[in-house]
Amino acid sequence: MIQTLLNKERILVCRPEPAAGELVQVLNSVGADAAALPCIQIKKLPLDEVSKSRIMELDRYSHVVVVSQHAATIGLDWIADYWPQFPSGQQWHAIGRQTAKQLPTQELAISLPNADLTSEKLLQQEAFRNLKNQRLLILKGKNGRTMLEEQFKRRGALVDTIELYERIHPAYDDDTLRSKLVEFDPEFFIALSAETLHNLISCFDQIHYDAKAKSFILSSQRVANIAMEQGFHLTYVPENLMPIDIIRCLAKLRRTE
């Protein structure tokens, strides 16, 4: 039965809210004992004049790339203030299916991924093979990876970015961390970005918590390599990052124990 797909495995979800709470609910619905410790807080940024002008001139861009769910929801809110209808003739692209789900498919020409795309996989899309003199806009968070922007420019694109939010490391007191880490004693940690993982490790350090024997569900091999460099060797990367894919990964680990 699906309700017992997981068997009270203690799982700590470290995603930002509301994604953390949503994933906890799904995991518990299939038999897990999941809790949340968000290791990133999302703070919406005001638009500076340059970013405002880029939104007002949205129709200049051939491609719009949205790198996260937060970039999608916040970016669409800003765009709605200036564009009652989206410009025609644009191709929109989303990194990951969760991000794509935030975009209005009836109103936009969206390149819908059938799997969760990393930045590296996005660059393999046919639409980005020849970008000479094409204008391209990236909706992202502050201080995010610059690899996409750099690669698009190398392919001849004229690239602009808008930083829509910043990621903040929540401050937890020692008692909260002991409750979530020592008392709850998770078997699995879910950290779906490099920054989430780094912030989680700083929580470990704050209370001198040893997680070397714990298992980590991570977003990519790149993040898994970071974990292993820090001494965490039980790292697993789901095939994709939808809740069902994370559940399948956990269930497979349960069967192989």
Protein backbone atom coordinates (compact mmCIF):
# COMPACT_ATOMS: atom_id res chain seq x y z
CA MET A 1 0.00 0.00 0.00
CA ILE A 2 1.22 3.49 -0.78
CA GLN A 3 0.64 4.56 2.83
CA THR A 4 3.44 2.20 3.92
CA LEU A 5 5.86 2.85 1.07
CA LEU A 6 8.11 4.32 3.75
CA ASN A 7 8.20 2.82 7.23
CA LYS A 8 8.58 5.60 9.79
CA GLU A 9 11.96 6.61 8.39
CA ARG A 10 12.95 9.82 10.14
CA ILE A 11 13.59 12.43 7.47
CA LEU A 12 14.60 16.05 7.96
CA VAL A 13 13.67 18.31 5.04
CA CYS A 14 15.93 21.36 4.78
CA ARG A 15 14.29 23.14 1.84
CA PRO A 16 12.96 26.71 2.20
CA GLU A 17 9.29 27.20 2.98
CA PRO A 18 6.71 26.59 1.63
CA ALA A 19 8.44 23.74 -0.22
CA ALA A 20 9.69 22.18 3.03
CA GLY A 21 6.25 21.89 4.58
CA GLU A 22 4.74 20.59 1.35
CA LEU A 23 7.36 17.86 1.04
CA VAL A 24 7.02 16.90 4.71
CA GLN A 25 3.28 16.44 4.18
CA VAL A 26 3.82 14.22 1.14
CA LEU A 27 6.47 12.10 2.85
CA ASN A 28 4.31 11.58 5.92
CA SER A 29 1.39 10.56 3.70
CA VAL A 30 3.41 7.54 2.51
CA GLY A 31 4.53 6.40 5.96
CA ALA A 32 7.58 8.51 6.79
CA ASP A 33 8.19 10.42 10.01
CA ALA A 34 9.32 13.69 8.42
CA ALA A 35 10.00 17.13 9.87
CA ALA A 36 11.33 20.41 8.50
CA LEU A 37 14.38 22.49 9.32
CA PRO A 38 14.50 25.11 6.53
CA CYS A 39 18.12 26.02 5.95
CA ILE A 40 17.33 28.83 3.52
CA GLN A 41 14.87 31.68 3.90
CA ILE A 42 13.68 33.48 0.77
CA LYS A 43 13.48 37.29 0.91
CA LYS A 44 11.91 39.17 -1.99
CA LEU A 45 14.05 42.04 -3.25
CA PRO A 46 12.78 45.42 -4.45
CA LEU A 47 13.31 46.17 -8.12
CA ASP A 48 16.11 48.59 -8.87
CA GLU A 49 15.77 50.92 -11.84
CA VAL A 50 17.79 48.70 -14.16
CA SER A 51 15.68 45.64 -13.36
CA LYS A 52 12.49 47.65 -13.71
CA SER A 53 13.51 48.82 -17.18
CA ARG A 54 14.28 45.23 -18.19
CA ILE A 55 10.79 44.15 -17.19
CA MET A 56 9.22 47.13 -18.96
CA GLU A 57 11.14 46.11 -22.10
CA LEU A 58 10.39 42.41 -21.73
CA ASP A 59 9.39 42.14 -25.38
CA ARG A 60 13.02 42.71 -26.44
CA TYR A 61 14.04 39.22 -25.31
CA SER A 62 13.84 36.10 -27.48
CA HIS A 63 14.32 33.78 -24.49
CA VAL A 64 13.48 34.06 -20.79
CA VAL A 65 15.15 31.54 -18.48
CA VAL A 66 13.68 30.98 -15.00
CA VAL A 67 16.06 29.23 -12.64
CA SER A 68 13.84 28.43 -9.62
CA GLN A 69 10.30 28.30 -8.27
CA HIS A 70 10.93 31.51 -6.35
CA ALA A 71 12.21 33.28 -9.45
CA ALA A 72 9.03 32.16 -11.23
CA THR A 73 6.52 33.33 -8.61
CA ILE A 74 8.26 36.61 -7.75
CA GLY A 75 9.14 37.37 -11.36
CA LEU A 76 5.57 36.82 -12.54
CA ASP A 77 4.29 39.14 -9.81
CA TRP A 78 6.56 41.93 -11.03
CA ILE A 79 5.80 41.30 -14.69
CA ALA A 80 2.05 41.48 -14.01
CA ASP A 81 2.53 45.06 -12.77
CA TYR A 82 3.78 46.15 -16.19
CA TRP A 83 2.39 43.63 -18.68
CA PRO A 84 -1.35 42.82 -18.66
CA GLN A 85 -0.52 40.31 -21.38
CA PHE A 86 2.78 38.58 -22.05
CA PRO A 87 4.74 39.60 -25.16
CA SER A 88 4.28 37.26 -28.10
CA GLY A 89 7.04 35.32 -29.82
CA GLN A 90 9.10 34.57 -26.73
CA GLN A 91 10.38 31.19 -25.62
CA TRP A 92 10.39 30.60 -21.85
CA HIS A 93 12.54 27.95 -20.19
CA ALA A 94 12.40 26.53 -16.66
CA ILE A 95 15.02 24.63 -14.71
CA GLY A 96 13.01 21.79 -13.26
CA ARG A 97 9.39 20.71 -13.42
CA GLN A 98 8.46 22.41 -10.16
CA THR A 99 9.63 25.71 -11.61
CA ALA A 100 7.74 25.05 -14.84
CA LYS A 101 4.57 24.38 -12.85
CA GLN A 102 4.62 27.98 -11.59
CA LEU A 103 4.45 29.38 -15.14
CA PRO A 104 1.13 29.91 -16.98
CA THR A 105 1.34 27.33 -19.76
CA GLN A 106 -1.75 28.70 -21.52
CA GLU A 107 -0.20 32.14 -21.92
CA LEU A 108 3.47 31.40 -22.54
CA ALA A 109 5.45 29.35 -25.01
CA ILE A 110 7.26 27.24 -22.44
CA SER A 111 9.88 24.62 -23.08
CA LEU A 112 8.49 22.07 -20.63
CA PRO A 113 11.07 19.66 -19.23
CA ASN A 114 10.05 16.01 -18.88
CA ALA A 115 12.79 15.71 -16.27
CA ASP A 116 14.43 18.04 -13.79
CA LEU A 117 17.03 20.02 -15.69
CA THR A 118 20.23 21.22 -14.12
CA SER A 119 21.86 24.31 -15.60
CA GLU A 120 24.22 21.99 -17.44
CA LYS A 121 21.37 20.00 -18.99
CA LEU A 122 19.50 23.15 -19.93
CA LEU A 123 22.46 24.24 -22.03
CA GLN A 124 22.09 21.05 -24.08
CA GLN A 125 18.66 22.10 -25.33
CA GLU A 126 18.39 22.68 -29.06
CA ALA A 127 17.10 26.24 -28.55
CA PHE A 128 20.45 27.28 -27.07
CA ARG A 129 22.82 25.85 -29.66
CA ASN A 130 23.02 29.07 -31.68
CA LEU A 131 22.33 32.29 -29.79
CA LYS A 132 24.26 34.78 -31.88
CA ASN A 133 22.85 38.29 -31.33
CA GLN A 134 19.73 36.96 -29.55
CA ARG A 135 18.63 38.79 -26.41
CA LEU A 136 18.15 36.57 -23.38
CA LEU A 137 16.82 37.34 -19.88
CA ILE A 138 17.56 35.26 -16.78
CA LEU A 139 15.29 35.47 -13.74
CA LYS A 140 17.24 34.34 -10.69
CA GLY A 141 18.18 34.91 -7.06
CA LYS A 142 20.93 37.17 -5.78
CA ASN A 143 24.43 35.70 -5.81
CA GLY A 144 23.28 32.59 -7.63
CA ARG A 145 25.45 30.63 -10.03
CA THR A 146 26.71 32.62 -13.03
CA MET A 147 27.47 29.63 -15.24
CA LEU A 148 24.36 30.01 -17.42
CA GLU A 149 25.01 33.67 -18.08
CA GLU A 150 28.65 32.99 -18.95
CA GLN A 151 27.81 30.11 -21.29
CA PHE A 152 25.03 32.01 -23.06
CA LYS A 153 27.40 34.91 -23.71
CA ARG A 154 30.02 32.54 -25.11
CA ARG A 155 27.39 31.35 -27.58
CA GLY A 156 26.80 34.87 -28.79
CA ALA A 157 23.75 35.90 -26.76
CA LEU A 158 23.16 39.36 -25.32
CA VAL A 159 22.32 38.42 -21.73
CA ASP A 160 20.58 40.40 -18.99
CA THR A 161 19.67 39.16 -15.51
CA ILE A 162 17.20 40.21 -12.84
CA GLU A 163 17.92 39.25 -9.23
CA LEU A 164 14.50 38.85 -7.64
CA TYR A 165 15.25 37.49 -4.19
CA GLU A 166 18.04 36.69 -1.80
CA ARG A 167 18.61 33.55 0.19
CA ILE A 168 19.20 34.05 3.91
CA HIS A 169 20.57 31.51 6.37
CA PRO A 170 17.96 31.30 9.16
CA ALA A 171 19.37 31.73 12.64
CA TYR A 172 18.42 28.87 14.98
CA ASP A 173 19.18 28.71 18.67
CA ASP A 174 20.93 25.69 20.13
CA ASP A 175 17.75 24.29 21.69
CA THR A 176 15.95 24.24 18.35
CA LEU A 177 18.86 22.51 16.65
CA ARG A 178 19.17 19.91 19.40
CA SER A 179 15.44 19.21 19.08
CA LYS A 180 15.64 18.72 15.31
CA LEU A 181 19.01 16.97 15.15
CA VAL A 182 19.64 15.17 18.42
CA GLU A 183 16.16 14.40 19.73
CA PHE A 184 14.47 13.78 16.38
CA ASP A 185 17.65 11.98 15.23
CA PRO A 186 17.02 11.94 11.46
CA GLU A 187 18.13 9.00 9.36
CA PHE A 188 17.96 11.08 6.17
CA PHE A 189 18.57 14.74 5.36
CA ILE A 190 17.08 16.28 2.21
CA ALA A 191 19.13 19.25 0.94
CA LEU A 192 18.38 20.20 -2.65
CA SER A 193 21.01 22.87 -3.30
CA ALA A 194 24.65 23.49 -2.48
CA GLU A 195 23.76 26.51 -0.34
CA THR A 196 21.20 24.48 1.61
CA LEU A 197 23.85 21.85 2.29
CA HIS A 198 26.42 24.41 3.43
CA ASN A 199 23.91 26.03 5.79
CA LEU A 200 22.90 22.62 7.16
CA ILE A 201 26.54 21.80 7.87
CA SER A 202 26.88 25.09 9.76
CA CYS A 203 23.93 23.94 11.91
CA PHE A 204 25.81 20.73 12.64
CA ASP A 205 28.88 22.73 13.61
CA GLN A 206 26.90 25.05 15.87
CA ILE A 207 25.99 22.25 18.27
CA HIS A 208 28.91 19.91 17.44
CA TYR A 209 26.56 17.37 15.87
CA ASP A 210 28.19 14.41 14.12
CA ALA A 211 26.27 13.50 10.95
CA LYS A 212 28.97 11.42 9.28
CA ALA A 213 26.89 8.23 9.53
CA LYS A 214 23.70 9.88 8.20
CA SER A 215 22.31 9.65 4.67
CA PHE A 216 21.82 12.69 2.45
CA ILE A 217 19.35 13.07 -0.42
CA LEU A 218 20.89 15.72 -2.66
CA SER A 219 19.99 17.52 -5.86
CA SER A 220 22.92 16.69 -8.13
CA GLN A 221 26.27 14.98 -8.31
CA ARG A 222 27.88 18.41 -7.95
CA VAL A 223 26.23 18.83 -4.53
CA ALA A 224 27.02 15.22 -3.62
CA ASN A 225 30.69 15.91 -4.33
CA ILE A 226 30.56 18.86 -1.92
CA ALA A 227 29.04 16.61 0.76
CA MET A 228 31.71 13.96 0.26
CA GLU A 229 34.46 16.56 0.47
CA GLN A 230 33.04 17.45 3.90
CA GLY A 231 33.16 13.82 5.00
CA PHE A 232 29.53 12.83 4.33
CA HIS A 233 29.78 9.73 2.17
CA LEU A 234 26.22 8.36 2.27
CA THR A 235 24.96 10.60 -0.53
CA TYR A 236 22.16 9.80 -2.97
CA VAL A 237 20.84 11.73 -5.97
CA PRO A 238 17.25 10.98 -7.12
CA GLU A 239 16.60 10.59 -10.83
CA ASN A 240 14.55 13.79 -10.65
CA LEU A 241 13.50 16.13 -7.84
CA MET A 242 9.71 15.85 -7.83
CA PRO A 243 8.32 14.47 -4.53
CA ILE A 244 7.55 11.11 -6.16
CA ASP A 245 11.17 10.81 -7.30
CA ILE A 246 12.45 11.55 -3.80
CA ILE A 247 10.04 8.95 -2.38
CA ARG A 248 11.24 6.37 -4.90
CA CYS A 249 14.84 7.07 -3.95
CA LEU A 250 14.06 6.66 -0.25
CA ALA A 251 12.02 3.51 -0.84
CA LYS A 252 14.85 1.99 -2.89
CA LEU A 253 17.31 2.72 -0.10
CA ARG A 254 14.94 1.11 2.37
CA ARG A 255 14.78 -2.08 0.27
CA THR A 256 18.57 -2.31 -0.02
CA GLU A 257 19.31 -1.86 3.68
